PDB file of N, CA and C in Angstrom:
ATOM      1  N   MET A   1       4.133 129.850 -14.033  1.00  0.00           N
ATOM      2  CA  MET A   1       4.014 131.232 -14.185  1.00  0.00           C
ATOM      3  C   MET A   1       3.504 131.594 -12.893  1.00  0.00           C
ATOM      4  N   SER A   2       4.134 132.759 -12.499  1.00  0.00           N
ATOM      5  CA  SER A   2       3.742 133.365 -11.032  1.00  0.00           C
ATOM      6  C   SER A   2       2.208 133.930 -10.985  1.00  0.00           C
ATOM      7  N   GLU A   3       1.974 134.632 -12.257  1.00  0.00           N
ATOM      8  CA  GLU A   3       0.490 135.578 -12.197  1.00  0.00           C
ATOM      9  C   GLU A   3      -0.129 135.093 -13.532  1.00  0.00           C
ATOM     10  N   PRO A   4      -1.216 134.603 -13.352  1.00  0.00           N
ATOM     11  CA  PRO A   4      -1.850 134.699 -14.739  1.00  0.00           C
ATOM     12  C   PRO A   4      -1.825 135.626 -15.646  1.00  0.00           C
ATOM     13  N   LEU A   5      -1.684 135.650 -16.878  1.00  0.00           N
ATOM     14  CA  LEU A   5      -1.896 136.573 -17.613  1.00  0.00           C
ATOM     15  C   LEU A   5      -3.293 136.974 -17.819  1.00  0.00           C
ATOM     16  N   PRO A   6      -3.822 137.857 -18.508  1.00  0.00           N
ATOM     17  CA  PRO A   6      -4.988 138.332 -19.134  1.00  0.00           C
ATOM     18  C   PRO A   6      -5.425 137.627 -20.074  1.00  0.00           C
ATOM     19  N   ASP A   7      -6.246 137.497 -20.246  1.00  0.00           N
ATOM     20  CA  ASP A   7      -7.261 136.707 -21.478  1.00  0.00           C
ATOM     21  C   ASP A   7      -6.621 137.209 -22.450  1.00  0.00           C
ATOM     22  N   ALA A   8      -6.696 138.086 -23.001  1.00  0.00           N
ATOM     23  CA  ALA A   8      -6.608 138.530 -24.255  1.00  0.00           C
ATOM     24  C   ALA A   8      -5.104 138.902 -24.501  1.00  0.00           C
ATOM     25  N   GLU A   9      -3.919 138.846 -23.575  1.00  0.00           N
ATOM     26  CA  GLU A   9      -2.774 138.589 -23.140  1.00  0.00           C
ATOM     27  C   GLU A   9      -2.290 136.898 -24.158  1.00  0.00           C
ATOM     28  N   ILE A  10      -2.980 136.247 -23.680  1.00  0.00           N
ATOM     29  CA  ILE A  10      -2.875 134.851 -24.069  1.00  0.00           C
ATOM     30  C   ILE A  10      -3.505 134.928 -25.129  1.00  0.00           C
ATOM     31  N   GLU A  11      -4.488 135.201 -25.627  1.00  0.00           N
ATOM     32  CA  GLU A  11      -4.702 135.320 -26.945  1.00  0.00           C
ATOM     33  C   GLU A  11      -3.637 135.525 -28.054  1.00  0.00           C
ATOM     34  N   ALA A  12      -3.568 136.703 -27.611  1.00  0.00           N
ATOM     35  CA  ALA A  12      -2.430 137.561 -28.644  1.00  0.00           C
ATOM     36  C   ALA A  12      -0.789 136.520 -28.693  1.00  0.00           C
ATOM     37  N   LYS A  13      -0.394 136.402 -27.940  1.00  0.00           N
ATOM     38  CA  LYS A  13       0.720 135.264 -27.867  1.00  0.00           C
ATOM     39  C   LYS A  13       0.279 133.806 -28.658  1.00  0.00           C
ATOM     40  N   VAL A  14      -0.954 133.393 -28.336  1.00  0.00           N
ATOM     41  CA  VAL A  14      -1.325 132.085 -29.166  1.00  0.00           C
ATOM     42  C   VAL A  14      -1.333 132.603 -30.663  1.00  0.00           C
ATOM     43  N   VAL A  15      -1.856 133.800 -31.111  1.00  0.00           N
ATOM     44  CA  VAL A  15      -1.818 133.948 -32.623  1.00  0.00           C
ATOM     45  C   VAL A  15      -0.508 134.185 -32.975  1.00  0.00           C
ATOM     46  N   GLU A  16       0.389 135.085 -32.091  1.00  0.00           N
ATOM     47  CA  GLU A  16       1.516 135.104 -32.509  1.00  0.00           C
ATOM     48  C   GLU A  16       2.655 133.763 -32.971  1.00  0.00           C
ATOM     49  N   ALA A  17       2.358 132.875 -31.647  1.00  0.00           N
ATOM     50  CA  ALA A  17       2.907 131.905 -31.777  1.00  0.00           C
ATOM     51  C   ALA A  17       2.848 131.026 -33.096  1.00  0.00           C
ATOM     52  N   ILE A  18       1.551 131.219 -33.416  1.00  0.00           N
ATOM     53  CA  ILE A  18       0.767 130.065 -35.010  1.00  0.00           C
ATOM     54  C   ILE A  18       0.934 130.819 -36.148  1.00  0.00           C
ATOM     55  N   ALA A  19       1.155 132.128 -35.993  1.00  0.00           N
ATOM     56  CA  ALA A  19       1.585 132.650 -37.087  1.00  0.00           C
ATOM     57  C   ALA A  19       2.978 132.681 -37.452  1.00  0.00           C
ATOM     58  N   ASP A  20       3.663 132.747 -36.660  1.00  0.00           N
ATOM     59  CA  ASP A  20       5.042 132.455 -36.474  1.00  0.00           C
ATOM     60  C   ASP A  20       5.540 131.030 -36.964  1.00  0.00           C
ATOM     61  N   GLN A  21       5.238 130.185 -36.655  1.00  0.00           N
ATOM     62  CA  GLN A  21       5.450 128.822 -36.274  1.00  0.00           C
ATOM     63  C   GLN A  21       5.042 128.660 -38.186  1.00  0.00           C
ATOM     64  N   LEU A  22       3.824 128.994 -38.455  1.00  0.00           N
ATOM     65  CA  LEU A  22       3.285 128.464 -40.055  1.00  0.00           C
ATOM     66  C   LEU A  22       3.620 129.190 -41.201  1.00  0.00           C
ATOM     67  N   GLY A  23       4.529 130.501 -40.725  1.00  0.00           N
ATOM     68  CA  GLY A  23       4.789 131.824 -41.452  1.00  0.00           C
ATOM     69  C   GLY A  23       3.496 132.348 -42.264  1.00  0.00           C
ATOM     70  N   ILE A  24       2.681 132.682 -41.659  1.00  0.00           N
ATOM     71  CA  ILE A  24       1.302 133.201 -42.093  1.00  0.00           C
ATOM     72  C   ILE A  24       1.529 134.507 -41.296  1.00  0.00           C
ATOM     73  N   PRO A  25       0.246 135.776 -41.827  1.00  0.00           N
ATOM     74  CA  PRO A  25       0.328 136.485 -40.984  1.00  0.00           C
ATOM     75  C   PRO A  25      -0.625 136.285 -39.760  1.00  0.00           C
ATOM     76  N   LYS A  26      -0.426 137.300 -38.981  1.00  0.00           N
ATOM     77  CA  LYS A  26      -1.199 137.306 -37.812  1.00  0.00           C
ATOM     78  C   LYS A  26      -2.717 137.088 -37.886  1.00  0.00           C
ATOM     79  N   SER A  27      -3.022 138.209 -39.129  1.00  0.00           N
ATOM     80  CA  SER A  27      -4.625 139.011 -39.496  1.00  0.00           C
ATOM     81  C   SER A  27      -4.740 137.381 -40.562  1.00  0.00           C
ATOM     82  N   ASP A  28      -4.301 136.356 -40.618  1.00  0.00           N
ATOM     83  CA  ASP A  28      -5.084 134.972 -41.249  1.00  0.00           C
ATOM     84  C   ASP A  28      -5.341 134.148 -40.053  1.00  0.00           C
ATOM     85  N   VAL A  29      -5.194 134.540 -38.623  1.00  0.00           N
ATOM     86  CA  VAL A  29      -5.655 133.558 -37.601  1.00  0.00           C
ATOM     87  C   VAL A  29      -6.214 134.221 -36.644  1.00  0.00           C
ATOM     88  N   THR A  30      -7.632 133.372 -36.840  1.00  0.00           N
ATOM     89  CA  THR A  30      -9.142 133.998 -36.277  1.00  0.00           C
ATOM     90  C   THR A  30      -9.081 133.073 -34.707  1.00  0.00           C
ATOM     91  N   PRO A  31     -10.165 133.836 -34.143  1.00  0.00           N
ATOM     92  CA  PRO A  31     -10.553 132.357 -32.980  1.00  0.00           C
ATOM     93  C   PRO A  31     -10.966 131.072 -33.344  1.00  0.00           C
ATOM     94  N   THR A  32     -11.613 131.785 -34.751  1.00  0.00           N
ATOM     95  CA  THR A  32     -12.740 130.069 -35.115  1.00  0.00           C
ATOM     96  C   THR A  32     -11.559 129.384 -36.109  1.00  0.00           C
ATOM     97  N   SER A  33     -10.464 130.096 -36.519  1.00  0.00           N
ATOM     98  CA  SER A  33      -9.476 129.181 -37.321  1.00  0.00           C
ATOM     99  C   SER A  33      -8.816 127.981 -36.680  1.00  0.00           C
ATOM    100  N   GLU A  34      -9.443 126.688 -37.699  1.00  0.00           N
ATOM    101  CA  GLU A  34      -9.207 125.478 -37.517  1.00  0.00           C
ATOM    102  C   GLU A  34      -7.966 124.964 -37.575  1.00  0.00           C
ATOM    103  N   PHE A  35      -7.233 124.000 -36.605  1.00  0.00           N
ATOM    104  CA  PHE A  35      -5.846 124.012 -36.898  1.00  0.00           C
ATOM    105  C   PHE A  35      -5.746 122.841 -38.123  1.00  0.00           C
ATOM    106  N   ASN A  36      -6.620 122.243 -38.100  1.00  0.00           N
ATOM    107  CA  ASN A  36      -6.719 121.340 -39.348  1.00  0.00           C
ATOM    108  C   ASN A  36      -6.617 121.775 -40.717  1.00  0.00           C
ATOM    109  N   ALA A  37      -7.462 123.296 -40.600  1.00  0.00           N
ATOM    110  CA  ALA A  37      -7.432 123.730 -41.990  1.00  0.00           C
ATOM    111  C   ALA A  37      -6.381 124.875 -42.205  1.00  0.00           C
ATOM    112  N   ILE A  38      -5.556 125.013 -41.145  1.00  0.00           N
ATOM    113  CA  ILE A  38      -4.270 125.865 -41.444  1.00  0.00           C
ATOM    114  C   ILE A  38      -2.988 125.274 -40.854  1.00  0.00           C
ATOM    115  N   CYS A  39      -2.891 123.985 -40.798  1.00  0.00           N
ATOM    116  CA  CYS A  39      -1.657 123.431 -40.257  1.00  0.00           C
ATOM    117  C   CYS A  39      -1.895 121.880 -40.579  1.00  0.00           C
ATOM    118  N   ASP A  40      -0.568 121.109 -40.559  1.00  0.00           N
ATOM    119  CA  ASP A  40      -0.517 119.946 -40.416  1.00  0.00           C
ATOM    120  C   ASP A  40      -0.852 119.093 -39.036  1.00  0.00           C
ATOM    121  N   SER A  41      -0.588 117.775 -39.268  1.00  0.00           N
ATOM    122  CA  SER A  41      -0.709 117.493 -37.638  1.00  0.00           C
ATOM    123  C   SER A  41       0.911 117.694 -37.358  1.00  0.00           C
ATOM    124  N   LEU A  42       1.747 117.672 -38.045  1.00  0.00           N
ATOM    125  CA  LEU A  42       3.343 117.657 -37.163  1.00  0.00           C
ATOM    126  C   LEU A  42       3.516 119.350 -36.836  1.00  0.00           C
ATOM    127  N   ASP A  43       3.047 120.091 -37.527  1.00  0.00           N
ATOM    128  CA  ASP A  43       3.017 121.815 -36.975  1.00  0.00           C
ATOM    129  C   ASP A  43       1.946 121.877 -36.108  1.00  0.00           C
ATOM    130  N   LYS A  44       0.752 121.022 -35.790  1.00  0.00           N
ATOM    131  CA  LYS A  44      -0.227 121.205 -34.335  1.00  0.00           C
ATOM    132  C   LYS A  44       0.578 120.809 -33.393  1.00  0.00           C
ATOM    133  N   ALA A  45       1.485 119.539 -33.491  1.00  0.00           N
ATOM    134  CA  ALA A  45       2.074 118.947 -32.477  1.00  0.00           C
ATOM    135  C   ALA A  45       3.252 120.311 -32.210  1.00  0.00           C
ATOM    136  N   GLU A  46       3.992 120.542 -32.796  1.00  0.00           N
ATOM    137  CA  GLU A  46       5.278 121.535 -32.570  1.00  0.00           C
ATOM    138  C   GLU A  46       4.492 123.014 -31.979  1.00  0.00           C
ATOM    139  N   LEU A  47       3.197 123.155 -32.403  1.00  0.00           N
ATOM    140  CA  LEU A  47       2.631 124.484 -32.027  1.00  0.00           C
ATOM    141  C   LEU A  47       1.932 123.949 -30.242  1.00  0.00           C
ATOM    142  N   MET A  48       1.836 122.919 -30.232  1.00  0.00           N
ATOM    143  CA  MET A  48       1.459 122.385 -28.651  1.00  0.00           C
ATOM    144  C   MET A  48       2.739 122.493 -27.495  1.00  0.00           C
ATOM    145  N   MET A  49       3.773 122.164 -28.210  1.00  0.00           N
ATOM    146  CA  MET A  49       5.183 121.841 -27.202  1.00  0.00           C
ATOM    147  C   MET A  49       5.394 123.843 -27.510  1.00  0.00           C
ATOM    148  N   GLU A  50       5.199 124.475 -28.379  1.00  0.00           N
ATOM    149  CA  GLU A  50       5.477 125.923 -28.352  1.00  0.00           C
ATOM    150  C   GLU A  50       4.922 126.109 -27.027  1.00  0.00           C
ATOM    151  N   PHE A  51       3.195 126.222 -27.341  1.00  0.00           N
ATOM    152  CA  PHE A  51       2.421 126.398 -26.121  1.00  0.00           C
ATOM    153  C   PHE A  51       2.790 125.990 -24.661  1.00  0.00           C
ATOM    154  N   GLU A  52       3.041 124.895 -24.444  1.00  0.00           N
ATOM    155  CA  GLU A  52       3.613 124.453 -23.430  1.00  0.00           C
ATOM    156  C   GLU A  52       5.010 125.302 -22.679  1.00  0.00           C
ATOM    157  N   ASP A  53       5.994 125.540 -23.574  1.00  0.00           N
ATOM    158  CA  ASP A  53       6.905 126.204 -23.264  1.00  0.00           C
ATOM    159  C   ASP A  53       6.493 127.708 -22.982  1.00  0.00           C
ATOM    160  N   LEU A  54       5.974 128.449 -23.957  1.00  0.00           N
ATOM    161  CA  LEU A  54       5.405 129.640 -23.914  1.00  0.00           C
ATOM    162  C   LEU A  54       4.277 130.096 -22.443  1.00  0.00           C
ATOM    163  N   PHE A  55       3.862 129.249 -22.053  1.00  0.00           N
ATOM    164  CA  PHE A  55       2.678 129.589 -21.130  1.00  0.00           C
ATOM    165  C   PHE A  55       3.407 128.371 -19.908  1.00  0.00           C
ATOM    166  N   GLU A  56       4.344 127.700 -19.849  1.00  0.00           N
ATOM    167  CA  GLU A  56       5.004 126.745 -19.205  1.00  0.00           C
ATOM    168  C   GLU A  56       3.751 126.003 -18.026  1.00  0.00           C
ATOM    169  N   ILE A  57       3.123 125.336 -19.268  1.00  0.00           N
ATOM    170  CA  ILE A  57       1.979 124.448 -18.685  1.00  0.00           C
ATOM    171  C   ILE A  57       2.017 122.729 -19.549  1.00  0.00           C
ATOM    172  N   SER A  58       1.307 122.068 -19.286  1.00  0.00           N
ATOM    173  CA  SER A  58       1.548 120.645 -19.955  1.00  0.00           C
ATOM    174  C   SER A  58       0.494 120.665 -20.697  1.00  0.00           C
ATOM    175  N   ILE A  59       0.401 119.844 -22.008  1.00  0.00           N
ATOM    176  CA  ILE A  59      -0.521 119.557 -22.823  1.00  0.00           C
ATOM    177  C   ILE A  59      -0.662 117.767 -22.771  1.00  0.00           C
ATOM    178  N   THR A  60      -1.555 117.551 -22.531  1.00  0.00           N
ATOM    179  CA  THR A  60      -1.305 115.904 -22.593  1.00  0.00           C
ATOM    180  C   THR A  60      -1.579 115.759 -24.320  1.00  0.00           C
ATOM    181  N   ASP A  61      -1.692 114.453 -24.829  1.00  0.00           N
ATOM    182  CA  ASP A  61      -1.624 113.960 -25.943  1.00  0.00           C
ATOM    183  C   ASP A  61      -3.346 114.018 -26.557  1.00  0.00           C
ATOM    184  N   ASP A  62      -3.907 113.767 -25.154  1.00  0.00           N
ATOM    185  CA  ASP A  62      -5.360 113.478 -25.331  1.00  0.00           C
ATOM    186  C   ASP A  62      -5.977 115.128 -25.521  1.00  0.00           C
ATOM    187  N   SER A  63      -5.750 116.023 -24.840  1.00  0.00           N
ATOM    188  CA  SER A  63      -5.949 117.102 -24.574  1.00  0.00           C
ATOM    189  C   SER A  63      -5.958 117.780 -25.571  1.00  0.00           C
ATOM    190  N   ALA A  64      -4.688 117.696 -26.223  1.00  0.00           N
ATOM    191  CA  ALA A  64      -4.096 118.131 -27.685  1.00  0.00           C
ATOM    192  C   ALA A  64      -5.187 117.736 -29.137  1.00  0.00           C
ATOM    193  N   THR A  65      -5.585 116.859 -29.200  1.00  0.00           N
ATOM    194  CA  THR A  65      -6.588 115.998 -29.750  1.00  0.00           C
ATOM    195  C   THR A  65      -7.504 116.836 -29.839  1.00  0.00           C
ATOM    196  N   LYS A  66      -7.998 117.070 -28.453  1.00  0.00           N
ATOM    197  CA  LYS A  66      -9.000 117.580 -28.362  1.00  0.00           C
ATOM    198  C   LYS A  66      -9.326 119.503 -29.132  1.00  0.00           C
ATOM    199  N   LEU A  67      -8.464 119.973 -29.086  1.00  0.00           N
ATOM    200  CA  LEU A  67      -7.961 121.402 -29.758  1.00  0.00           C
ATOM    201  C   LEU A  67      -8.194 121.481 -30.897  1.00  0.00           C
ATOM    202  N   THR A  68      -9.493 121.995 -31.560  1.00  0.00           N
ATOM    203  CA  THR A  68      -9.778 121.916 -32.614  1.00  0.00           C
ATOM    204  C   THR A  68      -9.558 123.234 -33.224  1.00  0.00           C
ATOM    205  N   THR A  69      -9.909 124.571 -32.699  1.00  0.00           N
ATOM    206  CA  THR A  69      -9.699 125.909 -32.683  1.00  0.00           C
ATOM    207  C   THR A  69      -8.723 126.431 -32.256  1.00  0.00           C
ATOM    208  N   VAL A  70      -8.201 127.543 -32.647  1.00  0.00           N
ATOM    209  CA  VAL A  70      -7.535 128.744 -32.155  1.00  0.00           C
ATOM    210  C   VAL A  70      -8.013 129.090 -30.492  1.00  0.00           C
ATOM    211  N   SER A  71      -9.486 129.256 -30.610  1.00  0.00           N
ATOM    212  CA  SER A  71     -10.285 129.370 -29.450  1.00  0.00           C
ATOM    213  C   SER A  71     -10.162 128.363 -28.298  1.00  0.00           C
ATOM    214  N   ASP A  72      -9.941 127.183 -28.921  1.00  0.00           N
ATOM    215  CA  ASP A  72     -10.159 126.222 -27.939  1.00  0.00           C
ATOM    216  C   ASP A  72      -8.678 126.063 -27.464  1.00  0.00           C
ATOM    217  N   ALA A  73      -8.012 126.362 -28.100  1.00  0.00           N
ATOM    218  CA  ALA A  73      -6.037 126.090 -27.652  1.00  0.00           C
ATOM    219  C   ALA A  73      -6.637 127.390 -26.573  1.00  0.00           C
ATOM    220  N   VAL A  74      -7.009 128.750 -26.384  1.00  0.00           N
ATOM    221  CA  VAL A  74      -6.669 129.874 -25.895  1.00  0.00           C
ATOM    222  C   VAL A  74      -7.688 129.211 -24.729  1.00  0.00           C
ATOM    223  N   ARG A  75      -8.859 128.928 -24.676  1.00  0.00           N
ATOM    224  CA  ARG A  75      -9.932 128.685 -23.414  1.00  0.00           C
ATOM    225  C   ARG A  75      -8.630 127.465 -22.790  1.00  0.00           C
ATOM    226  N   TYR A  76      -8.523 126.049 -23.172  1.00  0.00           N
ATOM    227  CA  TYR A  76      -7.527 125.563 -22.558  1.00  0.00           C
ATOM    228  C   TYR A  76      -5.874 125.847 -21.649  1.00  0.00           C
ATOM    229  N   ILE A  77      -5.529 126.949 -22.120  1.00  0.00           N
ATOM    230  CA  ILE A  77      -4.365 127.176 -21.726  1.00  0.00           C
ATOM    231  C   ILE A  77      -5.094 128.418 -20.755  1.00  0.00           C
ATOM    232  N   GLN A  78      -5.882 129.252 -20.970  1.00  0.00           N
ATOM    233  CA  GLN A  78      -6.593 130.211 -19.608  1.00  0.00           C
ATOM    234  C   GLN A  78      -6.673 129.394 -18.662  1.00  0.00           C
ATOM    235  N   ARG A  79      -7.584 128.060 -18.836  1.00  0.00           N
ATOM    236  CA  ARG A  79      -7.799 127.261 -17.792  1.00  0.00           C
ATOM    237  C   ARG A  79      -6.974 126.386 -16.791  1.00  0.00           C
ATOM    238  N   THR A  80      -5.930 125.841 -17.413  1.00  0.00           N
ATOM    239  CA  THR A  80      -4.590 125.743 -16.979  1.00  0.00           C
ATOM    240  C   THR A  80      -3.799 126.258 -16.378  1.00  0.00           C
ATOM    241  N   MET A  81      -3.457 127.090 -16.597  1.00  0.00           N
ATOM    242  CA  MET A  81      -2.571 128.558 -15.872  1.00  0.00           C
ATOM    243  C   MET A  81      -3.333 129.000 -14.735  1.00  0.00           C
ATOM    244  N   LYS A  82      -4.909 128.948 -14.744  1.00  0.00           N
ATOM    245  CA  LYS A  82      -5.954 129.602 -13.469  1.00  0.00           C
ATOM    246  C   LYS A  82      -5.764 128.091 -12.672  1.00  0.00           C
ATOM    247  N   GLU A  83      -5.234 127.168 -12.746  1.00  0.00           N
ATOM    248  CA  GLU A  83      -5.417 125.735 -11.878  1.00  0.00           C
ATOM    249  C   GLU A  83      -3.929 125.420 -11.520  1.00  0.00           C
ATOM    250  N   SER A  84      -2.991 126.308 -12.341  1.00  0.00           N
ATOM    251  CA  SER A  84      -1.850 125.840 -11.254  1.00  0.00           C
ATOM    252  C   SER A  84      -1.205 126.864 -10.515  1.00  0.00           C
TER     253      SER A  84
END
């Protein structure tokens, strides 16, 4: 991406992607939502690929394993976008 997105926009896009992928209301996805509580490992892998496409970043398998909550994913995306 040419210019980093505002943090609130990143979080909104992450929440929307999760809700769409899992077929759940956005209101059910909070920063403290744990991936292992809202989806299985295949869904999580698909979400990580969606985040890569959506934000034009790369998420290694090792990093994906460490992302346990929605806020972890948002912070990782924010940091990765600022570094690129």
